[in-house]
């Protein structure tokens, strides 16, 4: 009797999704398969297009989430995922998704708007990490005006050194590494030569010096990217094992550009049980401040609580909400709206809007009407601005 069985690969399967469904780690599954398969059927970083099946130990049960399994199989499943719990994971998508991005920074009623376009592509994925490639694909518009020609030329040359970024993201949504940092260093070396050739004067030397401090140090560059509102909204830990009531609870932090550092939040992601009428999967993330510092601590730039007990009147409060609309075919974000705020006058209120530029205009109009009905004027202004990006 053979000590192995097979799993028939289905459309949309990835190494991660199959390994989890079968109760293995990716390494366990790949190692066993490669030890028993023909040489030309071995697996490396992903399933190759012509591979039809994965060889697995016969003693391990085969099942997929949301299917009925036998009692013995359920015991294995429960070690990985609580019974009746949905698992939200990214599926392979060979194509980059192109987005329009808009950020509003509202500080005491003075609102600044930043707009640009970007692309995002999943290169590889395993149990613990995702490797994304992010590219900036347009000029940046501040308050609906493109930067002057010299500033824009310098920004384009610098962006050419920085992008594309290859970002290693943990399962919890944390940026942990720049995979192509050495490439960035090489591109920045060439960019410096170009800048010095095109521009003269003390000011360009200072610009290169300041930019080099960040781009040439992976730690500084990572910290800079971790303060990016768009990346923090996009990678917000929405993927993982949800409970039977379709919720996922985590603790996280968010940067408001403060000397006091990031603010701690308790976050709950809620997944709609069914696709909406527009055939999208909806996730709503709701977060409340759990930071131990007081409002006074934050205003004074303290990294740690200054006192053991915080007066109720000075207790830090704030919240954020993010609405995600996912493509059910691969669980990639198609649109998101995020709103972040602290109840402190000096801290800006931040709104981040990301919308897939390749979706049909009709779908955007349908989504707009639905969200306007639920969220009144706040959401209405959002979809008006999304339409501006699409136009």
Protein backbone atom coordinates (compact mmCIF):
# COMPACT_ATOMS: atom_id res chain seq x y z
CA UNK A 1 0.00 0.00 0.00
CA UNK A 2 1.32 3.42 -0.96
CA UNK A 3 2.05 5.78 1.91
CA UNK A 4 0.87 8.75 -0.12
CA UNK A 5 -2.23 10.14 -1.77
CA UNK A 6 -2.83 13.10 -4.09
CA UNK A 7 -4.66 16.40 -4.02
CA UNK A 8 -6.06 17.65 -7.34
CA UNK A 9 -5.06 21.28 -7.85
CA UNK A 10 -8.00 23.60 -8.50
CA UNK A 11 -8.17 26.99 -10.14
CA UNK A 12 -7.11 29.67 -7.65
CA UNK A 13 -5.17 27.29 -5.38
CA UNK A 14 -1.84 28.48 -3.99
CA UNK A 15 0.82 26.69 -1.99
CA UNK A 16 -0.40 28.48 1.13
CA UNK A 17 -4.11 27.83 0.63
CA UNK A 18 -3.62 24.11 -0.13
CA UNK A 19 -1.18 23.56 2.74
CA UNK A 20 -3.54 25.16 5.24
CA UNK A 21 -6.53 23.22 3.91
CA UNK A 22 -4.61 19.95 4.17
CA UNK A 23 -3.23 20.64 7.64
CA UNK A 24 0.43 21.05 6.72
CA UNK A 25 2.99 23.79 6.66
CA UNK A 26 4.07 24.79 3.15
CA UNK A 27 7.53 23.36 3.82
CA UNK A 28 6.12 19.97 4.96
CA UNK A 29 3.88 19.68 1.91
CA UNK A 30 6.51 20.72 -0.64
CA UNK A 31 9.22 18.51 0.90
CA UNK A 32 6.99 15.40 0.81
CA UNK A 33 5.75 16.10 -2.72
CA UNK A 34 9.26 16.65 -4.10
CA UNK A 35 10.49 13.43 -2.45
CA UNK A 36 7.86 11.33 -4.26
CA UNK A 37 7.22 13.08 -7.57
CA UNK A 38 8.89 12.84 -10.95
CA UNK A 39 11.81 15.28 -11.29
CA UNK A 40 9.94 17.53 -13.72
CA UNK A 41 6.96 17.77 -11.30
CA UNK A 42 8.89 19.23 -8.36
CA UNK A 43 7.55 22.40 -6.68
CA UNK A 44 9.65 25.44 -5.91
CA UNK A 45 8.13 28.83 -4.99
CA UNK A 46 4.65 28.17 -6.44
CA UNK A 47 2.57 25.73 -8.49
CA UNK A 48 3.71 25.79 -12.11
CA UNK A 49 0.85 26.05 -14.66
CA UNK A 50 0.91 22.41 -15.86
CA UNK A 51 1.01 20.76 -12.43
CA UNK A 52 -2.22 18.81 -11.88
CA UNK A 53 -1.79 17.31 -8.41
CA UNK A 54 0.17 17.46 -5.17
CA UNK A 55 1.47 14.26 -3.58
CA UNK A 56 0.64 14.10 0.15
CA UNK A 57 0.92 11.50 2.94
CA UNK A 58 -2.05 9.14 2.92
CA UNK A 59 -2.53 9.44 6.68
CA UNK A 60 -3.33 13.11 6.41
CA UNK A 61 -6.93 13.88 5.50
CA UNK A 62 -7.82 15.99 2.52
CA UNK A 63 -10.43 18.71 2.86
CA UNK A 64 -11.07 22.31 2.06
CA UNK A 65 -12.64 24.97 4.21
CA UNK A 66 -16.46 25.12 4.29
CA UNK A 67 -16.74 21.45 3.25
CA UNK A 68 -18.08 18.65 5.48
CA UNK A 69 -15.35 16.40 6.91
CA UNK A 70 -15.32 13.19 8.89
CA UNK A 71 -14.90 13.36 12.72
CA UNK A 72 -11.23 12.28 12.64
CA UNK A 73 -10.54 14.88 9.97
CA UNK A 74 -12.26 17.55 12.05
CA UNK A 75 -9.76 17.00 14.85
CA UNK A 76 -6.93 17.85 12.45
CA UNK A 77 -8.84 20.84 11.11
CA UNK A 78 -9.46 22.28 14.56
CA UNK A 79 -5.73 22.42 15.21
CA UNK A 80 -5.46 24.82 12.30
CA UNK A 81 -8.79 26.62 12.17
CA UNK A 82 -11.71 26.69 14.64
CA UNK A 83 -14.69 24.77 13.36
CA UNK A 84 -17.04 26.79 11.11
CA UNK A 85 -14.53 29.65 10.92
CA UNK A 86 -13.79 31.27 7.55
CA UNK A 87 -10.21 31.76 6.49
CA UNK A 88 -9.47 34.84 4.38
CA UNK A 89 -6.29 34.49 2.36
CA UNK A 90 -4.78 36.01 -0.75
CA UNK A 91 -4.93 33.86 -3.84
CA UNK A 92 -2.43 34.08 -6.66
CA UNK A 93 -3.06 36.89 -9.10
CA UNK A 94 -0.59 37.21 -11.99
CA UNK A 95 -1.64 40.76 -12.78
CA UNK A 96 -0.79 44.03 -11.07
CA UNK A 97 -3.76 46.08 -9.85
CA UNK A 98 -3.70 49.79 -10.67
CA UNK A 99 -5.13 52.19 -8.11
CA UNK A 100 -6.03 55.81 -7.78
CA UNK A 101 -4.97 57.12 -4.36
CA UNK A 102 -6.23 60.16 -2.47
CA UNK A 103 -5.18 61.29 0.99
CA UNK A 104 -6.79 64.09 3.01
CA UNK A 105 -4.93 65.55 5.98
CA UNK A 106 -7.22 67.78 8.01
CA UNK A 107 -5.45 69.80 10.69
CA UNK A 108 -7.72 72.23 12.54
CA UNK A 109 -9.90 72.67 9.46
CA UNK A 110 -7.01 73.25 7.04
CA UNK A 111 -7.23 70.38 4.56
CA UNK A 112 -4.39 69.28 2.28
CA UNK A 113 -5.04 66.72 -0.42
CA UNK A 114 -2.51 64.40 -2.06
CA UNK A 115 -3.34 62.37 -5.18
CA UNK A 116 -1.37 59.91 -7.27
CA UNK A 117 -1.63 56.50 -8.94
CA UNK A 118 0.12 53.27 -7.99
CA UNK A 119 0.17 49.57 -8.83
CA UNK A 120 0.35 46.58 -6.48
CA UNK A 121 1.25 42.99 -7.38
CA UNK A 122 1.65 39.85 -5.27
CA UNK A 123 4.89 38.15 -6.32
CA UNK A 124 5.02 35.28 -3.82
CA UNK A 125 3.26 34.09 -0.70
CA UNK A 126 3.71 31.51 2.07
CA UNK A 127 2.30 30.81 5.52
CA UNK A 128 4.01 33.71 7.23
CA UNK A 129 4.83 36.32 4.61
CA UNK A 130 3.64 37.96 1.39
CA UNK A 131 5.99 39.55 -1.13
CA UNK A 132 4.37 42.51 -2.90
CA UNK A 133 5.73 44.78 -5.59
CA UNK A 134 4.48 48.36 -5.35
CA UNK A 135 5.13 50.90 -8.07
CA UNK A 136 4.19 54.57 -8.31
CA UNK A 137 2.77 55.15 -11.77
CA UNK A 138 1.95 58.86 -11.94
CA UNK A 139 2.97 62.31 -10.81
CA UNK A 140 1.85 63.48 -7.37
CA UNK A 141 -0.77 66.23 -7.14
CA UNK A 142 -0.96 68.35 -4.01
CA UNK A 143 -4.23 70.24 -3.54
CA UNK A 144 -5.10 69.36 -7.17
CA UNK A 145 -2.00 71.07 -8.54
CA UNK A 146 1.03 69.33 -10.00
CA UNK A 147 4.34 70.37 -8.50
CA UNK A 148 6.37 72.95 -10.44
CA UNK A 149 8.57 71.62 -13.20
CA UNK A 150 11.90 71.55 -11.32
CA UNK A 151 10.41 69.98 -8.19
CA UNK A 152 8.53 67.43 -10.28
CA UNK A 153 11.60 66.52 -12.32
CA UNK A 154 13.60 65.91 -9.14
CA UNK A 155 10.71 63.90 -7.64
CA UNK A 156 10.47 61.76 -10.78
CA UNK A 157 14.21 61.00 -10.74
CA UNK A 158 14.10 60.15 -7.02
CA UNK A 159 10.97 58.00 -7.45
CA UNK A 160 12.73 56.16 -10.25
CA UNK A 161 15.35 55.11 -7.71
CA UNK A 162 12.88 54.15 -4.99
CA UNK A 163 10.24 52.37 -7.09
CA UNK A 164 9.34 49.66 -7.66
CA UNK A 165 9.45 48.54 -4.05
CA UNK A 166 9.42 44.85 -3.15
CA UNK A 167 7.78 44.70 0.27
CA UNK A 168 7.85 41.68 2.57
CA UNK A 169 4.62 41.81 4.59
CA UNK A 170 3.89 39.53 7.56
CA UNK A 171 0.57 37.70 7.90
CA UNK A 172 -0.42 40.32 10.50
CA UNK A 173 0.16 43.12 7.99
CA UNK A 174 3.53 44.39 9.23
CA UNK A 175 6.19 45.62 6.81
CA UNK A 176 9.23 43.57 7.83
CA UNK A 177 11.73 43.86 4.99
CA UNK A 178 12.61 45.47 1.68
CA UNK A 179 13.44 42.56 -0.61
CA UNK A 180 15.08 44.71 -3.29
CA UNK A 181 17.02 47.14 -1.08
CA UNK A 182 20.29 46.47 -2.95
CA UNK A 183 18.54 47.38 -6.22
CA UNK A 184 17.32 50.64 -4.66
CA UNK A 185 20.88 51.51 -3.63
CA UNK A 186 22.08 50.87 -7.19
CA UNK A 187 19.30 52.95 -8.71
CA UNK A 188 19.91 55.81 -6.26
CA UNK A 189 23.62 55.84 -7.15
CA UNK A 190 22.70 56.35 -10.80
CA UNK A 191 20.02 58.89 -9.88
CA UNK A 192 22.53 61.02 -7.93
CA UNK A 193 24.76 61.27 -10.99
CA UNK A 194 21.80 62.34 -13.08
CA UNK A 195 20.71 64.97 -10.56
CA UNK A 196 24.20 66.46 -10.29
CA UNK A 197 24.48 66.55 -14.07
CA UNK A 198 21.14 68.31 -14.57
CA UNK A 199 21.24 70.73 -11.61
CA UNK A 200 23.93 72.84 -10.02
CA UNK A 201 24.17 74.73 -6.78
CA UNK A 202 24.45 74.09 -3.08
CA UNK A 203 20.74 73.27 -2.77
CA UNK A 204 20.92 70.13 -4.96
CA UNK A 205 23.87 68.86 -2.91
CA UNK A 206 21.87 69.28 0.30
CA UNK A 207 18.86 67.54 -1.27
CA UNK A 208 20.99 64.56 -2.31
CA UNK A 209 22.64 64.40 1.12
CA UNK A 210 19.32 64.41 2.98
CA UNK A 211 17.71 61.89 0.63
CA UNK A 212 20.76 59.62 0.81
CA UNK A 213 20.46 59.40 4.59
CA UNK A 214 17.11 57.67 4.17
CA UNK A 215 17.54 55.72 0.93
CA UNK A 216 20.97 54.36 1.86
CA UNK A 217 19.90 53.02 5.26
CA UNK A 218 17.42 50.13 5.14
CA UNK A 219 16.32 50.74 8.74
CA UNK A 220 15.55 54.42 8.08
CA UNK A 221 13.85 53.62 4.79
CA UNK A 222 11.69 50.94 6.43
CA UNK A 223 10.68 53.36 9.19
CA UNK A 224 9.79 55.96 6.59
CA UNK A 225 7.62 53.47 4.69
CA UNK A 226 5.97 52.34 7.93
CA UNK A 227 4.76 55.92 8.37
CA UNK A 228 3.08 55.86 4.96
CA UNK A 229 -0.70 56.18 5.45
CA UNK A 230 -1.47 54.34 2.22
CA UNK A 231 0.69 51.30 3.01
CA UNK A 232 -0.64 51.12 6.56
CA UNK A 233 -4.23 51.19 5.32
CA UNK A 234 -3.62 48.64 2.58
CA UNK A 235 -1.70 46.25 4.85
CA UNK A 236 -3.93 46.32 7.92
CA UNK A 237 -3.98 42.65 8.93
CA UNK A 238 -7.38 41.79 7.44
CA UNK A 239 -6.23 38.35 6.26
CA UNK A 240 -6.31 35.38 8.60
CA UNK A 241 -8.66 33.11 10.53
CA UNK A 242 -12.00 34.68 11.41
CA UNK A 243 -14.20 33.43 14.24
CA UNK A 244 -17.55 31.72 13.76
CA UNK A 245 -19.26 35.14 13.85
CA UNK A 246 -16.99 36.30 10.99
CA UNK A 247 -14.83 38.65 13.04
CA UNK A 248 -11.08 38.89 13.61
CA UNK A 249 -9.63 40.76 16.58
CA UNK A 250 -6.11 42.16 16.74
CA UNK A 251 -4.09 44.88 18.39
CA UNK A 252 -2.26 47.29 16.15
CA UNK A 253 -0.75 50.75 15.92
CA UNK A 254 -1.09 53.65 13.51
CA UNK A 255 1.23 56.61 12.78
CA UNK A 256 -0.18 60.13 12.88
CA UNK A 257 3.16 61.77 12.11
CA UNK A 258 3.74 62.56 15.79
CA UNK A 259 6.91 62.95 17.84
CA UNK A 260 5.22 60.63 20.34
CA UNK A 261 5.34 57.78 17.84
CA UNK A 262 2.54 55.42 16.86
CA UNK A 263 -0.77 55.13 18.73
CA UNK A 264 -1.99 51.72 19.96
CA UNK A 265 -5.43 50.51 18.89
CA UNK A 266 -7.67 47.52 19.48
CA UNK A 267 -8.96 46.47 16.07
CA UNK A 268 -11.81 44.19 15.04
CA UNK A 269 -12.29 43.23 11.41
CA UNK A 270 -15.85 42.21 10.46
CA UNK A 271 -16.45 40.13 7.33
CA UNK A 272 -19.82 40.11 5.59
CA UNK A 273 -21.03 36.51 5.34
CA UNK A 274 -22.17 36.89 1.73
CA UNK A 275 -21.05 38.83 -1.28
CA UNK A 276 -22.87 42.11 -1.68
CA UNK A 277 -25.13 42.94 -4.61
CA UNK A 278 -22.08 44.11 -6.56
CA UNK A 279 -20.38 40.72 -6.10
CA UNK A 280 -17.73 42.09 -3.77
CA UNK A 281 -16.60 40.81 -0.39
CA UNK A 282 -16.82 43.46 2.31
CA UNK A 283 -14.62 43.83 5.38
CA UNK A 284 -15.16 46.61 7.93
CA UNK A 285 -12.37 47.35 10.39
CA UNK A 286 -13.29 49.22 13.57
CA UNK A 287 -10.61 50.34 16.04
CA UNK A 288 -10.50 52.16 19.38
CA UNK A 289 -7.48 53.65 21.16
CA UNK A 290 -5.97 51.46 23.89
CA UNK A 291 -2.76 53.48 24.26
CA UNK A 292 -1.72 53.87 27.90
CA UNK A 293 -0.45 57.40 27.39
CA UNK A 294 -2.56 60.44 28.16
CA UNK A 295 -3.50 63.15 25.73
CA UNK A 296 -0.96 65.37 27.45
CA UNK A 297 1.73 62.72 26.91
CA UNK A 298 1.01 62.69 23.19
CA UNK A 299 1.00 66.48 22.91
CA UNK A 300 4.37 66.61 24.67
CA UNK A 301 5.87 63.96 22.42
CA UNK A 302 6.36 61.34 25.15
CA UNK A 303 7.07 57.81 23.91
CA UNK A 304 5.94 56.27 27.21
CA UNK A 305 3.28 57.11 29.85
CA UNK A 306 4.52 59.88 32.14
CA UNK A 307 2.35 58.74 35.07
CA UNK A 308 1.11 55.41 36.35
CA UNK A 309 -2.54 56.44 36.39
CA UNK A 310 -4.15 58.66 33.76
CA UNK A 311 -6.82 61.12 34.80
CA UNK A 312 -10.14 60.29 33.16
CA UNK A 313 -10.38 63.81 31.75
CA UNK A 314 -6.98 63.43 30.06
CA UNK A 315 -7.46 59.85 28.87
CA UNK A 316 -6.47 59.55 25.24
CA UNK A 317 -9.36 58.69 22.94
CA UNK A 318 -9.68 58.17 19.23
CA UNK A 319 -10.75 55.68 16.62
CA UNK A 320 -10.48 54.60 13.05
CA UNK A 321 -12.69 52.81 10.56
CA UNK A 322 -11.68 51.17 7.29
CA UNK A 323 -14.07 49.73 4.72
CA UNK A 324 -12.59 47.18 2.31
CA UNK A 325 -14.21 45.90 -0.87
CA UNK A 326 -12.44 42.73 -2.04
CA UNK A 327 -12.48 40.81 -5.31
CA UNK A 328 -13.90 37.40 -4.29
CA UNK A 329 -11.86 35.65 -6.98
CA UNK A 330 -8.56 36.40 -5.25
CA UNK A 331 -9.41 38.51 -2.14
CA UNK A 332 -7.40 41.48 -3.39
CA UNK A 333 -8.52 44.95 -2.37
CA UNK A 334 -10.50 46.73 -5.05
CA UNK A 335 -11.48 49.77 -3.01
CA UNK A 336 -10.92 51.01 0.51
CA UNK A 337 -11.91 54.03 2.56
CA UNK A 338 -10.07 54.71 5.82
CA UNK A 339 -10.68 57.45 8.40
CA UNK A 340 -8.30 57.97 11.35
CA UNK A 341 -8.69 60.47 14.20
CA UNK A 342 -7.57 61.29 17.73
CA UNK A 343 -9.48 63.64 20.00
CA UNK A 344 -6.61 66.11 20.11
CA UNK A 345 -6.66 69.46 18.33
CA UNK A 346 -3.06 69.33 17.15
CA UNK A 347 -3.36 65.85 15.63
CA UNK A 348 -4.60 65.79 12.04
CA UNK A 349 -7.61 63.75 10.92
CA UNK A 350 -6.54 61.48 8.10
CA UNK A 351 -8.64 60.04 5.31
CA UNK A 352 -7.20 57.53 2.83
CA UNK A 353 -9.02 56.47 -0.31
CA UNK A 354 -7.75 53.79 -2.70
CA UNK A 355 -9.78 52.68 -5.71
CA UNK A 356 -9.06 50.19 -8.49
CA UNK A 357 -8.81 52.17 -11.74
CA UNK A 358 -9.59 49.18 -13.93
CA UNK A 359 -13.03 48.37 -12.55
CA UNK A 360 -15.92 49.50 -14.63
CA UNK A 361 -17.43 52.94 -14.05
CA UNK A 362 -20.87 51.33 -13.56
CA UNK A 363 -19.58 49.31 -10.59
CA UNK A 364 -18.13 52.44 -9.00
CA UNK A 365 -21.43 54.24 -9.43
CA UNK A 366 -23.32 51.35 -7.82
CA UNK A 367 -20.91 51.23 -4.89
CA UNK A 368 -21.16 54.98 -4.56
CA UNK A 369 -24.94 54.93 -4.28
CA UNK A 370 -24.90 52.18 -1.67
CA UNK A 371 -22.27 53.77 0.55
CA UNK A 372 -23.83 57.20 0.29
CA UNK A 373 -27.08 55.72 1.62
CA UNK A 374 -25.29 54.12 4.59
CA UNK A 375 -22.87 56.88 5.47
CA UNK A 376 -24.54 60.10 4.30
CA UNK A 377 -22.39 63.11 3.55
CA UNK A 378 -19.05 61.63 4.64
CA UNK A 379 -19.21 58.85 2.13
CA UNK A 380 -20.80 61.01 -0.52
CA UNK A 381 -17.76 63.25 -0.66
CA UNK A 382 -15.53 60.18 -0.88
CA UNK A 383 -17.15 58.75 -3.96
CA UNK A 384 -17.30 62.13 -5.61
CA UNK A 385 -13.54 62.33 -5.23
CA UNK A 386 -13.07 58.73 -6.41
CA UNK A 387 -14.93 59.67 -9.58
CA UNK A 388 -12.54 62.58 -10.02
CA UNK A 389 -9.62 60.15 -9.87
CA UNK A 390 -11.28 57.85 -12.40
CA UNK A 391 -12.00 60.74 -14.77
